[in-house]
Amino acid sequence: MKDAIKAGSDGVYILIDVTPGSSRSRIEYNEWRKIISVKVRSPPKGGKANSELVELFRKILGRKVEIVKGQTSSQKVLFVQGATVEEVVERLSA
């Protein structure tokens, strides 16, 4: 999972591949693609899937989360302010 999480100067960047419109929300690590696959229930219309994605990670990590790349793409980069790679890996693995 560490392959999808990169340390920044004041937080971490997480490589995400999101699938909107799923029957339930779920987070998995895709070892082959070295990316974290996230399924969200919300549709991609009107930024609803992006909002659900940010809220999901905010709840899990307890930190401010924002999409810094890929607003209109299924592949995104999230920035988690003030987090460490080890902290993010531990919380996502739980």
PDB file of N, CA and C in Angstrom:
ATOM      1  N   MET A   1       0.821  -1.195   0.000  1.00  0.00           N
ATOM      2  CA  MET A   1       0.000   0.000   0.000  1.00  0.00           C
ATOM      3  C   MET A   1       0.866   1.260   0.000  1.00  0.00           C
ATOM      4  N   LYS A   2       2.062   1.148   0.551  1.00  0.00           N
ATOM      5  CA  LYS A   2       2.943   2.318   0.620  1.00  0.00           C
ATOM      6  C   LYS A   2       3.290   2.868  -0.760  1.00  0.00           C
ATOM      7  N   ASP A   3       3.185   2.031  -1.791  1.00  0.00           N
ATOM      8  CA  ASP A   3       3.486   2.485  -3.156  1.00  0.00           C
ATOM      9  C   ASP A   3       2.509   3.560  -3.619  1.00  0.00           C
ATOM     10  N   ALA A   4       1.311   3.597  -3.062  1.00  0.00           N
ATOM     11  CA  ALA A   4       0.281   4.547  -3.483  1.00  0.00           C
ATOM     12  C   ALA A   4       0.238   5.787  -2.595  1.00  0.00           C
ATOM     13  N   ILE A   5       1.120   5.839  -1.596  1.00  0.00           N
ATOM     14  CA  ILE A   5       1.110   6.956  -0.642  1.00  0.00           C
ATOM     15  C   ILE A   5       2.501   7.580  -0.624  1.00  0.00           C
ATOM     16  N   LYS A   6       2.559   8.864  -0.944  1.00  0.00           N
ATOM     17  CA  LYS A   6       3.845   9.567  -1.031  1.00  0.00           C
ATOM     18  C   LYS A   6       3.897  10.698  -0.005  1.00  0.00           C
ATOM     19  N   ALA A   7       5.024  10.826   0.668  1.00  0.00           N
ATOM     20  CA  ALA A   7       5.213  11.896   1.657  1.00  0.00           C
ATOM     21  C   ALA A   7       5.420  13.226   0.953  1.00  0.00           C
ATOM     22  N   GLY A   8       4.804  14.267   1.503  1.00  0.00           N
ATOM     23  CA  GLY A   8       5.002  15.632   1.035  1.00  0.00           C
ATOM     24  C   GLY A   8       5.623  16.447   2.146  1.00  0.00           C
ATOM     25  N   SER A   9       5.755  17.743   1.941  1.00  0.00           N
ATOM     26  CA  SER A   9       6.406  18.582   2.947  1.00  0.00           C
ATOM     27  C   SER A   9       5.566  18.744   4.213  1.00  0.00           C
ATOM     28  N   ASP A  10       4.239  18.788   4.084  1.00  0.00           N
ATOM     29  CA  ASP A  10       3.388  18.953   5.271  1.00  0.00           C
ATOM     30  C   ASP A  10       2.175  18.033   5.239  1.00  0.00           C
ATOM     31  N   GLY A  11       2.377  16.830   4.689  1.00  0.00           N
ATOM     32  CA  GLY A  11       1.302  15.856   4.610  1.00  0.00           C
ATOM     33  C   GLY A  11       1.669  14.748   3.640  1.00  0.00           C
ATOM     34  N   VAL A  12       0.670  14.005   3.191  1.00  0.00           N
ATOM     35  CA  VAL A  12       0.905  12.920   2.231  1.00  0.00           C
ATOM     36  C   VAL A  12      -0.037  13.032   1.047  1.00  0.00           C
ATOM     37  N   TYR A  13       0.410  12.459  -0.065  1.00  0.00           N
ATOM     38  CA  TYR A  13      -0.377  12.378  -1.291  1.00  0.00           C
ATOM     39  C   TYR A  13      -0.765  10.924  -1.499  1.00  0.00           C
ATOM     40  N   ILE A  14      -2.035  10.688  -1.827  1.00  0.00           N
ATOM     41  CA  ILE A  14      -2.543   9.330  -2.026  1.00  0.00           C
ATOM     42  C   ILE A  14      -3.048   9.204  -3.455  1.00  0.00           C
ATOM     43  N   LEU A  15      -2.552   8.194  -4.172  1.00  0.00           N
ATOM     44  CA  LEU A  15      -3.004   7.921  -5.533  1.00  0.00           C
ATOM     45  C   LEU A  15      -4.273   7.082  -5.456  1.00  0.00           C
ATOM     46  N   ILE A  16      -5.339   7.581  -6.078  1.00  0.00           N
ATOM     47  CA  ILE A  16      -6.671   6.974  -5.973  1.00  0.00           C
ATOM     48  C   ILE A  16      -7.237   6.678  -7.350  1.00  0.00           C
ATOM     49  N   ASP A  17      -7.931   5.558  -7.465  1.00  0.00           N
ATOM     50  CA  ASP A  17      -8.756   5.270  -8.640  1.00  0.00           C
ATOM     51  C   ASP A  17     -10.166   5.077  -8.104  1.00  0.00           C
ATOM     52  N   VAL A  18     -11.073   5.983  -8.449  1.00  0.00           N
ATOM     53  CA  VAL A  18     -12.414   5.953  -7.866  1.00  0.00           C
ATOM     54  C   VAL A  18     -13.439   5.439  -8.878  1.00  0.00           C
ATOM     55  N   THR A  19     -14.369   4.626  -8.365  1.00  0.00           N
ATOM     56  CA  THR A  19     -15.480   4.117  -9.165  1.00  0.00           C
ATOM     57  C   THR A  19     -16.772   4.591  -8.514  1.00  0.00           C
ATOM     58  N   PRO A  20     -17.475   5.533  -9.156  1.00  0.00           N
ATOM     59  CA  PRO A  20     -18.740   6.019  -8.593  1.00  0.00           C
ATOM     60  C   PRO A  20     -19.899   5.073  -8.894  1.00  0.00           C
ATOM     61  N   GLY A  21     -21.000   5.257  -8.170  1.00  0.00           N
ATOM     62  CA  GLY A  21     -22.216   4.497  -8.431  1.00  0.00           C
ATOM     63  C   GLY A  21     -22.170   3.056  -7.978  1.00  0.00           C
ATOM     64  N   SER A  22     -21.358   2.739  -7.004  1.00  0.00           N
ATOM     65  CA  SER A  22     -21.251   1.376  -6.491  1.00  0.00           C
ATOM     66  C   SER A  22     -22.409   1.092  -5.528  1.00  0.00           C
ATOM     67  N   SER A  23     -22.650  -0.180  -5.259  1.00  0.00           N
ATOM     68  CA  SER A  23     -23.719  -0.542  -4.327  1.00  0.00           C
ATOM     69  C   SER A  23     -23.331  -0.216  -2.879  1.00  0.00           C
ATOM     70  N   ARG A  24     -22.019  -0.149  -2.597  1.00  0.00           N
ATOM     71  CA  ARG A  24     -21.554   0.240  -1.265  1.00  0.00           C
ATOM     72  C   ARG A  24     -20.168   0.863  -1.386  1.00  0.00           C
ATOM     73  N   SER A  25     -19.809   1.674  -0.401  1.00  0.00           N
ATOM     74  CA  SER A  25     -18.491   2.304  -0.383  1.00  0.00           C
ATOM     75  C   SER A  25     -17.460   1.307   0.120  1.00  0.00           C
ATOM     76  N   ARG A  26     -16.273   1.336  -0.508  1.00  0.00           N
ATOM     77  CA  ARG A  26     -15.239   0.368  -0.124  1.00  0.00           C
ATOM     78  C   ARG A  26     -13.871   0.854  -0.611  1.00  0.00           C
ATOM     79  N   ILE A  27     -12.835   0.540   0.165  1.00  0.00           N
ATOM     80  CA  ILE A  27     -11.462   0.912  -0.165  1.00  0.00           C
ATOM     81  C   ILE A  27     -10.628  -0.358  -0.239  1.00  0.00           C
ATOM     82  N   GLU A  28      -9.865  -0.515  -1.334  1.00  0.00           N
ATOM     83  CA  GLU A  28      -8.984  -1.670  -1.518  1.00  0.00           C
ATOM     84  C   GLU A  28      -7.686  -1.203  -2.149  1.00  0.00           C
ATOM     85  N   TYR A  29      -6.614  -1.932  -1.893  1.00  0.00           N
ATOM     86  CA  TYR A  29      -5.343  -1.616  -2.540  1.00  0.00           C
ATOM     87  C   TYR A  29      -5.178  -2.522  -3.749  1.00  0.00           C
ATOM     88  N   ASN A  30      -4.934  -1.937  -4.918  1.00  0.00           N
ATOM     89  CA  ASN A  30      -4.693  -2.689  -6.133  1.00  0.00           C
ATOM     90  C   ASN A  30      -3.180  -2.849  -6.272  1.00  0.00           C
ATOM     91  N   GLU A  31      -2.665  -3.988  -5.861  1.00  0.00           N
ATOM     92  CA  GLU A  31      -1.227  -4.228  -5.836  1.00  0.00           C
ATOM     93  C   GLU A  31      -0.613  -4.200  -7.233  1.00  0.00           C
ATOM     94  N   TRP A  32      -1.327  -4.692  -8.216  1.00  0.00           N
ATOM     95  CA  TRP A  32      -0.823  -4.750  -9.582  1.00  0.00           C
ATOM     96  C   TRP A  32      -0.637  -3.349 -10.156  1.00  0.00           C
ATOM     97  N   ARG A  33      -1.606  -2.451  -9.909  1.00  0.00           N
ATOM     98  CA  ARG A  33      -1.547  -1.077 -10.431  1.00  0.00           C
ATOM     99  C   ARG A  33      -0.883  -0.095  -9.471  1.00  0.00           C
ATOM    100  N   LYS A  34      -0.596  -0.535  -8.233  1.00  0.00           N
ATOM    101  CA  LYS A  34       0.034   0.324  -7.215  1.00  0.00           C
ATOM    102  C   LYS A  34      -0.797   1.583  -6.964  1.00  0.00           C
ATOM    103  N   ILE A  35      -2.098   1.361  -6.763  1.00  0.00           N
ATOM    104  CA  ILE A  35      -3.037   2.461  -6.551  1.00  0.00           C
ATOM    105  C   ILE A  35      -4.124   1.987  -5.588  1.00  0.00           C
ATOM    106  N   ILE A  36      -4.732   2.913  -4.879  1.00  0.00           N
ATOM    107  CA  ILE A  36      -5.819   2.566  -3.969  1.00  0.00           C
ATOM    108  C   ILE A  36      -7.128   2.725  -4.731  1.00  0.00           C
ATOM    109  N   SER A  37      -7.876   1.636  -4.837  1.00  0.00           N
ATOM    110  CA  SER A  37      -9.168   1.642  -5.528  1.00  0.00           C
ATOM    111  C   SER A  37     -10.269   1.934  -4.519  1.00  0.00           C
ATOM    112  N   VAL A  38     -11.097   2.899  -4.851  1.00  0.00           N
ATOM    113  CA  VAL A  38     -12.177   3.303  -3.957  1.00  0.00           C
ATOM    114  C   VAL A  38     -13.483   3.256  -4.721  1.00  0.00           C
ATOM    115  N   LYS A  39     -14.467   2.586  -4.139  1.00  0.00           N
ATOM    116  CA  LYS A  39     -15.812   2.566  -4.710  1.00  0.00           C
ATOM    117  C   LYS A  39     -16.698   3.421  -3.813  1.00  0.00           C
ATOM    118  N   VAL A  40     -17.438   4.328  -4.430  1.00  0.00           N
ATOM    119  CA  VAL A  40     -18.359   5.184  -3.691  1.00  0.00           C
ATOM    120  C   VAL A  40     -19.759   5.022  -4.246  1.00  0.00           C
ATOM    121  N   ARG A  41     -20.757   5.284  -3.416  1.00  0.00           N
ATOM    122  CA  ARG A  41     -22.147   5.101  -3.810  1.00  0.00           C
ATOM    123  C   ARG A  41     -22.664   6.236  -4.693  1.00  0.00           C
ATOM    124  N   SER A  42     -22.156   7.438  -4.469  1.00  0.00           N
ATOM    125  CA  SER A  42     -22.659   8.614  -5.170  1.00  0.00           C
ATOM    126  C   SER A  42     -22.341   8.570  -6.668  1.00  0.00           C
ATOM    127  N   PRO A  43     -23.206   9.202  -7.477  1.00  0.00           N
ATOM    128  CA  PRO A  43     -22.939   9.290  -8.916  1.00  0.00           C
ATOM    129  C   PRO A  43     -21.888  10.370  -9.181  1.00  0.00           C
ATOM    130  N   PRO A  44     -21.260  10.331 -10.363  1.00  0.00           N
ATOM    131  CA  PRO A  44     -20.233  11.322 -10.675  1.00  0.00           C
ATOM    132  C   PRO A  44     -20.794  12.709 -11.007  1.00  0.00           C
ATOM    133  N   LYS A  45     -22.071  12.830 -11.148  1.00  0.00           N
ATOM    134  CA  LYS A  45     -22.702  14.106 -11.519  1.00  0.00           C
ATOM    135  C   LYS A  45     -22.607  15.135 -10.402  1.00  0.00           C
ATOM    136  N   GLY A  46     -22.285  16.360 -10.757  1.00  0.00           N
ATOM    137  CA  GLY A  46     -22.306  17.469  -9.814  1.00  0.00           C
ATOM    138  C   GLY A  46     -21.285  17.384  -8.693  1.00  0.00           C
ATOM    139  N   GLY A  47     -20.241  16.603  -8.882  1.00  0.00           N
ATOM    140  CA  GLY A  47     -19.200  16.507  -7.861  1.00  0.00           C
ATOM    141  C   GLY A  47     -19.586  15.676  -6.644  1.00  0.00           C
ATOM    142  N   LYS A  48     -20.700  14.950  -6.730  1.00  0.00           N
ATOM    143  CA  LYS A  48     -21.160  14.164  -5.579  1.00  0.00           C
ATOM    144  C   LYS A  48     -20.188  13.045  -5.207  1.00  0.00           C
ATOM    145  N   ALA A  49     -19.642  12.367  -6.213  1.00  0.00           N
ATOM    146  CA  ALA A  49     -18.687  11.288  -5.932  1.00  0.00           C
ATOM    147  C   ALA A  49     -17.412  11.851  -5.308  1.00  0.00           C
ATOM    148  N   ASN A  50     -16.952  12.997  -5.795  1.00  0.00           N
ATOM    149  CA  ASN A  50     -15.768  13.639  -5.214  1.00  0.00           C
ATOM    150  C   ASN A  50     -16.011  14.011  -3.757  1.00  0.00           C
ATOM    151  N   SER A  51     -17.178  14.567  -3.472  1.00  0.00           N
ATOM    152  CA  SER A  51     -17.509  14.952  -2.094  1.00  0.00           C
ATOM    153  C   SER A  51     -17.545  13.739  -1.177  1.00  0.00           C
ATOM    154  N   GLU A  52     -18.144  12.651  -1.656  1.00  0.00           N
ATOM    155  CA  GLU A  52     -18.200  11.434  -0.838  1.00  0.00           C
ATOM    156  C   GLU A  52     -16.795  10.870  -0.607  1.00  0.00           C
ATOM    157  N   LEU A  53     -15.952  10.907  -1.638  1.00  0.00           N
ATOM    158  CA  LEU A  53     -14.579  10.423  -1.517  1.00  0.00           C
ATOM    159  C   LEU A  53     -13.815  11.207  -0.456  1.00  0.00           C
ATOM    160  N   VAL A  54     -13.878  12.523  -0.515  1.00  0.00           N
ATOM    161  CA  VAL A  54     -13.176  13.374   0.452  1.00  0.00           C
ATOM    162  C   VAL A  54     -13.701  13.120   1.864  1.00  0.00           C
ATOM    163  N   GLU A  55     -15.011  13.041   2.009  1.00  0.00           N
ATOM    164  CA  GLU A  55     -15.618  12.811   3.330  1.00  0.00           C
ATOM    165  C   GLU A  55     -15.233  11.433   3.889  1.00  0.00           C
ATOM    166  N   LEU A  56     -15.195  10.421   3.038  1.00  0.00           N
ATOM    167  CA  LEU A  56     -14.818   9.073   3.456  1.00  0.00           C
ATOM    168  C   LEU A  56     -13.395   9.062   4.027  1.00  0.00           C
ATOM    169  N   PHE A  57     -12.465   9.667   3.317  1.00  0.00           N
ATOM    170  CA  PHE A  57     -11.077   9.710   3.790  1.00  0.00           C
ATOM    171  C   PHE A  57     -10.927  10.619   5.004  1.00  0.00           C
ATOM    172  N   ARG A  58     -11.693  11.692   5.078  1.00  0.00           N
ATOM    173  CA  ARG A  58     -11.638  12.585   6.240  1.00  0.00           C
ATOM    174  C   ARG A  58     -12.064  11.837   7.502  1.00  0.00           C
ATOM    175  N   LYS A  59     -13.115  11.034   7.384  1.00  0.00           N
ATOM    176  CA  LYS A  59     -13.594  10.263   8.542  1.00  0.00           C
ATOM    177  C   LYS A  59     -12.577   9.202   8.972  1.00  0.00           C
ATOM    178  N   ILE A  60     -12.000   8.500   8.019  1.00  0.00           N
ATOM    179  CA  ILE A  60     -11.049   7.434   8.327  1.00  0.00           C
ATOM    180  C   ILE A  60      -9.760   7.999   8.915  1.00  0.00           C
ATOM    181  N   LEU A  61      -9.265   9.088   8.330  1.00  0.00           N
ATOM    182  CA  LEU A  61      -7.959   9.612   8.724  1.00  0.00           C
ATOM    183  C   LEU A  61      -8.021  10.706   9.786  1.00  0.00           C
ATOM    184  N   GLY A  62      -9.188  11.313   9.973  1.00  0.00           N
ATOM    185  CA  GLY A  62      -9.327  12.366  10.968  1.00  0.00           C
ATOM    186  C   GLY A  62      -8.502  13.603  10.655  1.00  0.00           C
ATOM    187  N   ARG A  63      -8.297  13.866   9.397  1.00  0.00           N
ATOM    188  CA  ARG A  63      -7.481  14.998   8.931  1.00  0.00           C
ATOM    189  C   ARG A  63      -8.199  15.708   7.781  1.00  0.00           C
ATOM    190  N   LYS A  64      -7.716  16.908   7.472  1.00  0.00           N
ATOM    191  CA  LYS A  64      -8.234  17.638   6.319  1.00  0.00           C
ATOM    192  C   LYS A  64      -7.750  16.937   5.048  1.00  0.00           C
ATOM    193  N   VAL A  65      -8.686  16.675   4.135  1.00  0.00           N
ATOM    194  CA  VAL A  65      -8.385  15.965   2.896  1.00  0.00           C
ATOM    195  C   VAL A  65      -8.915  16.792   1.725  1.00  0.00           C
ATOM    196  N   GLU A  66      -8.120  16.874   0.656  1.00  0.00           N
ATOM    197  CA  GLU A  66      -8.587  17.578  -0.537  1.00  0.00           C
ATOM    198  C   GLU A  66      -8.077  16.882  -1.790  1.00  0.00           C
ATOM    199  N   ILE A  67      -8.830  17.028  -2.865  1.00  0.00           N
ATOM    200  CA  ILE A  67      -8.416  16.492  -4.158  1.00  0.00           C
ATOM    201  C   ILE A  67      -7.524  17.545  -4.807  1.00  0.00           C
ATOM    202  N   VAL A  68      -6.278  17.177  -5.099  1.00  0.00           N
ATOM    203  CA  VAL A  68      -5.347  18.130  -5.694  1.00  0.00           C
ATOM    204  C   VAL A  68      -5.106  17.877  -7.179  1.00  0.00           C
ATOM    205  N   LYS A  69      -5.554  16.735  -7.675  1.00  0.00           N
ATOM    206  CA  LYS A  69      -5.406  16.425  -9.094  1.00  0.00           C
ATOM    207  C   LYS A  69      -6.486  15.430  -9.492  1.00  0.00           C
ATOM    208  N   GLY A  70      -7.100  15.648 -10.670  1.00  0.00           N
ATOM    209  CA  GLY A  70      -8.067  14.695 -11.191  1.00  0.00           C
ATOM    210  C   GLY A  70      -9.510  14.974 -10.817  1.00  0.00           C
ATOM    211  N   GLN A  71      -9.876  16.233 -10.673  1.00  0.00           N
ATOM    212  CA  GLN A  71     -11.255  16.590 -10.293  1.00  0.00           C
ATOM    213  C   GLN A  71     -12.298  15.923 -11.195  1.00  0.00           C
ATOM    214  N   THR A  72     -12.012  15.818 -12.493  1.00  0.00           N
ATOM    215  CA  THR A  72     -12.995  15.264 -13.431  1.00  0.00           C
ATOM    216  C   THR A  72     -12.578  13.900 -13.976  1.00  0.00           C
ATOM    217  N   SER A  73     -11.581  13.287 -13.376  1.00  0.00           N
ATOM    218  CA  SER A  73     -11.058  12.002 -13.820  1.00  0.00           C
ATOM    219  C   SER A  73     -11.332  10.932 -12.768  1.00  0.00           C
ATOM    220  N   SER A  74     -11.286   9.672 -13.178  1.00  0.00           N
ATOM    221  CA  SER A  74     -11.435   8.597 -12.188  1.00  0.00           C
ATOM    222  C   SER A  74     -10.142   8.415 -11.396  1.00  0.00           C
ATOM    223  N   GLN A  75      -9.019   8.820 -11.969  1.00  0.00           N
ATOM    224  CA  GLN A  75      -7.749   8.749 -11.244  1.00  0.00           C
ATOM    225  C   GLN A  75      -7.477  10.102 -10.611  1.00  0.00           C
ATOM    226  N   LYS A  76      -7.269  10.085  -9.305  1.00  0.00           N
ATOM    227  CA  LYS A  76      -7.132  11.310  -8.529  1.00  0.00           C
ATOM    228  C   LYS A  76      -5.934  11.237  -7.598  1.00  0.00           C
ATOM    229  N   VAL A  77      -5.529  12.401  -7.122  1.00  0.00           N
ATOM    230  CA  VAL A  77      -4.514  12.483  -6.082  1.00  0.00           C
ATOM    231  C   VAL A  77      -5.139  13.263  -4.933  1.00  0.00           C
ATOM    232  N   LEU A  78      -5.159  12.626  -3.755  1.00  0.00           N
ATOM    233  CA  LEU A  78      -5.655  13.285  -2.552  1.00  0.00           C
ATOM    234  C   LEU A  78      -4.465  13.790  -1.745  1.00  0.00           C
ATOM    235  N   PHE A  79      -4.640  14.918  -1.093  1.00  0.00           N
ATOM    236  CA  PHE A  79      -3.637  15.419  -0.166  1.00  0.00           C
ATOM    237  C   PHE A  79      -4.233  15.384   1.229  1.00  0.00           C
ATOM    238  N   VAL A  80      -3.506  14.763   2.160  1.00  0.00           N
ATOM    239  CA  VAL A  80      -3.941  14.668   3.547  1.00  0.00           C
ATOM    240  C   VAL A  80      -2.992  15.526   4.380  1.00  0.00           C
ATOM    241  N   GLN A  81      -3.508  16.618   4.868  1.00  0.00           N
ATOM    242  CA  GLN A  81      -2.685  17.596   5.582  1.00  0.00           C
ATOM    243  C   GLN A  81      -2.242  17.078   6.942  1.00  0.00           C
ATOM    244  N   GLY A  82      -0.939  17.199   7.210  1.00  0.00           N
ATOM    245  CA  GLY A  82      -0.386  16.866   8.519  1.00  0.00           C
ATOM    246  C   GLY A  82      -0.251  15.386   8.820  1.00  0.00           C
ATOM    247  N   ALA A  83      -0.487  14.530   7.845  1.00  0.00           N
ATOM    248  CA  ALA A  83      -0.413  13.085   8.064  1.00  0.00           C
ATOM    249  C   ALA A  83       0.955  12.540   7.666  1.00  0.00           C
ATOM    250  N   THR A  84       1.270  11.355   8.171  1.00  0.00           N
ATOM    251  CA  THR A  84       2.488  10.648   7.765  1.00  0.00           C
ATOM    252  C   THR A  84       2.089   9.412   6.967  1.00  0.00           C
ATOM    253  N   VAL A  85       3.024   8.895   6.179  1.00  0.00           N
ATOM    254  CA  VAL A  85       2.760   7.699   5.379  1.00  0.00           C
ATOM    255  C   VAL A  85       2.366   6.542   6.296  1.00  0.00           C
ATOM    256  N   GLU A  86       3.097   6.368   7.393  1.00  0.00           N
ATOM    257  CA  GLU A  86       2.828   5.255   8.316  1.00  0.00           C
ATOM    258  C   GLU A  86       1.431   5.351   8.916  1.00  0.00           C
ATOM    259  N   GLU A  87       1.033   6.562   9.300  1.00  0.00           N
ATOM    260  CA  GLU A  87      -0.299   6.776   9.878  1.00  0.00           C
ATOM    261  C   GLU A  87      -1.397   6.426   8.876  1.00  0.00           C
ATOM    262  N   VAL A  88      -1.235   6.869   7.644  1.00  0.00           N
ATOM    263  CA  VAL A  88      -2.250   6.612   6.613  1.00  0.00           C
ATOM    264  C   VAL A  88      -2.340   5.131   6.298  1.00  0.00           C
ATOM    265  N   VAL A  89      -1.197   4.465   6.156  1.00  0.00           N
ATOM    266  CA  VAL A  89      -1.192   3.021   5.881  1.00  0.00           C
ATOM    267  C   VAL A  89      -1.883   2.279   7.014  1.00  0.00           C
ATOM    268  N   GLU A  90      -1.572   2.635   8.250  1.00  0.00           N
ATOM    269  CA  GLU A  90      -2.166   1.953   9.398  1.00  0.00           C
ATOM    270  C   GLU A  90      -3.688   2.119   9.420  1.00  0.00           C
ATOM    271  N   ARG A  91      -4.163   3.333   9.207  1.00  0.00           N
ATOM    272  CA  ARG A  91      -5.606   3.578   9.274  1.00  0.00           C
ATOM    273  C   ARG A  91      -6.360   2.970   8.096  1.00  0.00           C
ATOM    274  N   LEU A  92      -5.766   2.982   6.909  1.00  0.00           N
ATOM    275  CA  LEU A  92      -6.444   2.386   5.752  1.00  0.00           C
ATOM    276  C   LEU A  92      -6.426   0.870   5.810  1.00  0.00           C
ATOM    277  N   SER A  93      -5.438   0.304   6.480  1.00  0.00           N
ATOM    278  CA  SER A  93      -5.348  -1.158   6.600  1.00  0.00           C
ATOM    279  C   SER A  93      -6.286  -1.725   7.666  1.00  0.00           C
ATOM    280  N   ALA A  94      -6.725  -0.867   8.585  1.00  0.00           N
ATOM    281  CA  ALA A  94      -7.587  -1.323   9.686  1.00  0.00           C
ATOM    282  C   ALA A  94      -8.987  -1.663   9.220  1.00  0.00           C
TER     283      ALA A  94
END
